[in-house]
Amino acid sequence: MLLYFYTQDYENYGTPEDPYWKPKGGSDYILEADEWTEEMIHKIVGIVNFANPMFESSLIGYQEVCKEFKTDFEQMQLEHDGSIEFPANRMKYDEMQKLFS
């Protein structure tokens, strides 16, 4: 089963004392697992949510998708360029956990 997780990133153009946050895109993760539990989803949320005084990444949401699923950005690349040069992060759940542990 595939789940698509998508984030929103923010960059602080100010200082830690006087922040000026601007949205700066985000990341797409398409993760595969035989089955998903709430505990697994909470672990992924803990990985993709990140914050320091100058940068934040927050989970916007997630949804179940099919194997052929393309993100909006991937679909736009196909329509305009004929190929996907910047694909979403696709991996198995266990690989993501190892990568960020």
C-alpha atoms as a PDB file:
ATOM      1  CA  MET A   1       0.000   0.000   0.000  1.00  0.00           C
ATOM      2  CA  LEU A   2       1.321   3.461  -0.935  1.00  0.00           C
ATOM      3  CA  LEU A   3       0.819   6.628   1.086  1.00  0.00           C
ATOM      4  CA  TYR A   4       1.598  10.080  -0.292  1.00  0.00           C
ATOM      5  CA  PHE A   5       2.847  12.552   2.343  1.00  0.00           C
ATOM      6  CA  TYR A   6       3.221  16.226   1.400  1.00  0.00           C
ATOM      7  CA  THR A   7       4.820  19.083   3.301  1.00  0.00           C
ATOM      8  CA  GLN A   8       5.051  22.875   3.302  1.00  0.00           C
ATOM      9  CA  ASP A   9       8.422  24.499   3.933  1.00  0.00           C
ATOM     10  CA  TYR A  10       9.002  27.952   5.407  1.00  0.00           C
ATOM     11  CA  GLU A  11      12.212  29.963   5.453  1.00  0.00           C
ATOM     12  CA  ASN A  12      12.926  32.722   7.971  1.00  0.00           C
ATOM     13  CA  TYR A  13      14.152  35.821   6.129  1.00  0.00           C
ATOM     14  CA  GLY A  14      14.496  37.674   9.418  1.00  0.00           C
ATOM     15  CA  THR A  15      16.414  36.673  12.503  1.00  0.00           C
ATOM     16  CA  PRO A  16      15.615  34.203  15.275  1.00  0.00           C
ATOM     17  CA  GLU A  17      14.658  37.188  17.460  1.00  0.00           C
ATOM     18  CA  ASP A  18      12.598  38.968  14.767  1.00  0.00           C
ATOM     19  CA  PRO A  19      11.404  36.282  12.313  1.00  0.00           C
ATOM     20  CA  TYR A  20       9.926  36.930   8.879  1.00  0.00           C
ATOM     21  CA  TRP A  21       8.620  33.573   7.590  1.00  0.00           C
ATOM     22  CA  LYS A  22       7.971  32.946   3.888  1.00  0.00           C
ATOM     23  CA  PRO A  23       6.547  29.754   2.325  1.00  0.00           C
ATOM     24  CA  LYS A  24       9.139  28.039   0.108  1.00  0.00           C
ATOM     25  CA  GLY A  25       7.543  25.012  -1.521  1.00  0.00           C
ATOM     26  CA  GLY A  26       7.677  21.635   0.142  1.00  0.00           C
ATOM     27  CA  SER A  27       8.501  17.979  -0.313  1.00  0.00           C
ATOM     28  CA  ASP A  28       6.597  14.958  -1.584  1.00  0.00           C
ATOM     29  CA  TYR A  29       7.147  11.479  -0.144  1.00  0.00           C
ATOM     30  CA  ILE A  30       5.496   8.361  -1.559  1.00  0.00           C
ATOM     31  CA  LEU A  31       6.099   5.523   0.861  1.00  0.00           C
ATOM     32  CA  GLU A  32       5.311   1.842   0.530  1.00  0.00           C
ATOM     33  CA  ALA A  33       4.443  -0.621   3.278  1.00  0.00           C
ATOM     34  CA  ASP A  34       2.579  -3.931   3.320  1.00  0.00           C
ATOM     35  CA  GLU A  35       0.136  -2.286   5.718  1.00  0.00           C
ATOM     36  CA  TRP A  36       0.099   0.984   7.655  1.00  0.00           C
ATOM     37  CA  THR A  37      -0.490   1.478  11.364  1.00  0.00           C
ATOM     38  CA  GLU A  38      -1.104   4.722  13.244  1.00  0.00           C
ATOM     39  CA  GLU A  39       2.294   4.246  14.911  1.00  0.00           C
ATOM     40  CA  MET A  40       4.030   4.092  11.521  1.00  0.00           C
ATOM     41  CA  ILE A  41       2.247   7.232  10.338  1.00  0.00           C
ATOM     42  CA  HIS A  42       3.210   9.081  13.528  1.00  0.00           C
ATOM     43  CA  LYS A  43       6.859   8.106  12.951  1.00  0.00           C
ATOM     44  CA  ILE A  44       6.750   9.546   9.426  1.00  0.00           C
ATOM     45  CA  VAL A  45       5.134  12.738  10.736  1.00  0.00           C
ATOM     46  CA  GLY A  46       7.989  12.995  13.251  1.00  0.00           C
ATOM     47  CA  ILE A  47      10.507  12.647  10.434  1.00  0.00           C
ATOM     48  CA  VAL A  48       9.026  15.168   7.977  1.00  0.00           C
ATOM     49  CA  ASN A  49       8.104  17.800  10.598  1.00  0.00           C
ATOM     50  CA  PHE A  50      11.273  19.751  11.258  1.00  0.00           C
ATOM     51  CA  ALA A  51      11.954  23.171  12.734  1.00  0.00           C
ATOM     52  CA  ASN A  52      14.855  25.378  13.703  1.00  0.00           C
ATOM     53  CA  PRO A  53      15.019  29.178  14.043  1.00  0.00           C
ATOM     54  CA  MET A  54      15.575  29.665  10.305  1.00  0.00           C
ATOM     55  CA  PHE A  55      13.645  26.825   8.588  1.00  0.00           C
ATOM     56  CA  GLU A  56      10.486  24.785   9.127  1.00  0.00           C
ATOM     57  CA  SER A  57       8.912  21.867   7.298  1.00  0.00           C
ATOM     58  CA  SER A  58       5.390  20.808   8.269  1.00  0.00           C
ATOM     59  CA  LEU A  59       3.216  17.947   7.101  1.00  0.00           C
ATOM     60  CA  ILE A  60       0.159  19.265   5.266  1.00  0.00           C
ATOM     61  CA  GLY A  61      -1.459  15.868   4.827  1.00  0.00           C
ATOM     62  CA  TYR A  62      -1.288  12.364   3.446  1.00  0.00           C
ATOM     63  CA  GLN A  63      -3.453  10.063   1.364  1.00  0.00           C
ATOM     64  CA  GLU A  64      -3.476   6.572  -0.067  1.00  0.00           C
ATOM     65  CA  VAL A  65      -2.475   6.463  -3.753  1.00  0.00           C
ATOM     66  CA  CYS A  66      -2.059   3.873  -6.500  1.00  0.00           C
ATOM     67  CA  LYS A  67       1.264   2.690  -7.926  1.00  0.00           C
ATOM     68  CA  GLU A  68       0.851   4.876 -11.047  1.00  0.00           C
ATOM     69  CA  PHE A  69       0.196   8.053  -9.020  1.00  0.00           C
ATOM     70  CA  LYS A  70       2.014  11.224 -10.064  1.00  0.00           C
ATOM     71  CA  THR A  71       2.239  14.328  -7.876  1.00  0.00           C
ATOM     72  CA  ASP A  72       1.048  17.621  -9.326  1.00  0.00           C
ATOM     73  CA  PHE A  73       4.683  18.645  -9.836  1.00  0.00           C
ATOM     74  CA  GLU A  74       5.534  15.364 -11.610  1.00  0.00           C
ATOM     75  CA  GLN A  75       2.448  15.706 -13.835  1.00  0.00           C
ATOM     76  CA  MET A  76       3.385  19.305 -14.696  1.00  0.00           C
ATOM     77  CA  GLN A  77       6.907  18.204 -15.682  1.00  0.00           C
ATOM     78  CA  LEU A  78       5.482  15.502 -17.959  1.00  0.00           C
ATOM     79  CA  GLU A  79       3.100  17.942 -19.632  1.00  0.00           C
ATOM     80  CA  HIS A  80       5.678  20.700 -20.142  1.00  0.00           C
ATOM     81  CA  ASP A  81       8.960  18.802 -20.552  1.00  0.00           C
ATOM     82  CA  GLY A  82       7.905  15.305 -21.586  1.00  0.00           C
ATOM     83  CA  SER A  83       9.803  13.727 -18.680  1.00  0.00           C
ATOM     84  CA  ILE A  84      10.128  13.883 -14.910  1.00  0.00           C
ATOM     85  CA  GLU A  85      13.496  15.311 -13.937  1.00  0.00           C
ATOM     86  CA  PHE A  86      12.590  15.987 -10.292  1.00  0.00           C
ATOM     87  CA  PRO A  87      10.560  13.012  -9.004  1.00  0.00           C
ATOM     88  CA  ALA A  88       8.946  12.726  -5.588  1.00  0.00           C
ATOM     89  CA  ASN A  89      10.876  10.842  -2.925  1.00  0.00           C
ATOM     90  CA  ARG A  90       9.710   7.222  -3.377  1.00  0.00           C
ATOM     91  CA  MET A  91      10.853   4.506  -1.005  1.00  0.00           C
ATOM     92  CA  LYS A  92       9.769   1.743   1.296  1.00  0.00           C
ATOM     93  CA  TYR A  93       8.775   2.712   4.834  1.00  0.00           C
ATOM     94  CA  ASP A  94      11.752   0.808   6.312  1.00  0.00           C
ATOM     95  CA  GLU A  95      14.191   2.679   4.034  1.00  0.00           C
ATOM     96  CA  MET A  96      12.854   6.047   5.186  1.00  0.00           C
ATOM     97  CA  GLN A  97      13.181   5.049   8.834  1.00  0.00           C
ATOM     98  CA  LYS A  98      16.807   3.929   8.323  1.00  0.00           C
ATOM     99  CA  LEU A  99      17.618   7.075   6.390  1.00  0.00           C
ATOM    100  CA  PHE A 100      16.441   9.348   9.211  1.00  0.00           C
ATOM    101  CA  SER A 101      17.380   7.331  12.294  1.00  0.00           C
END
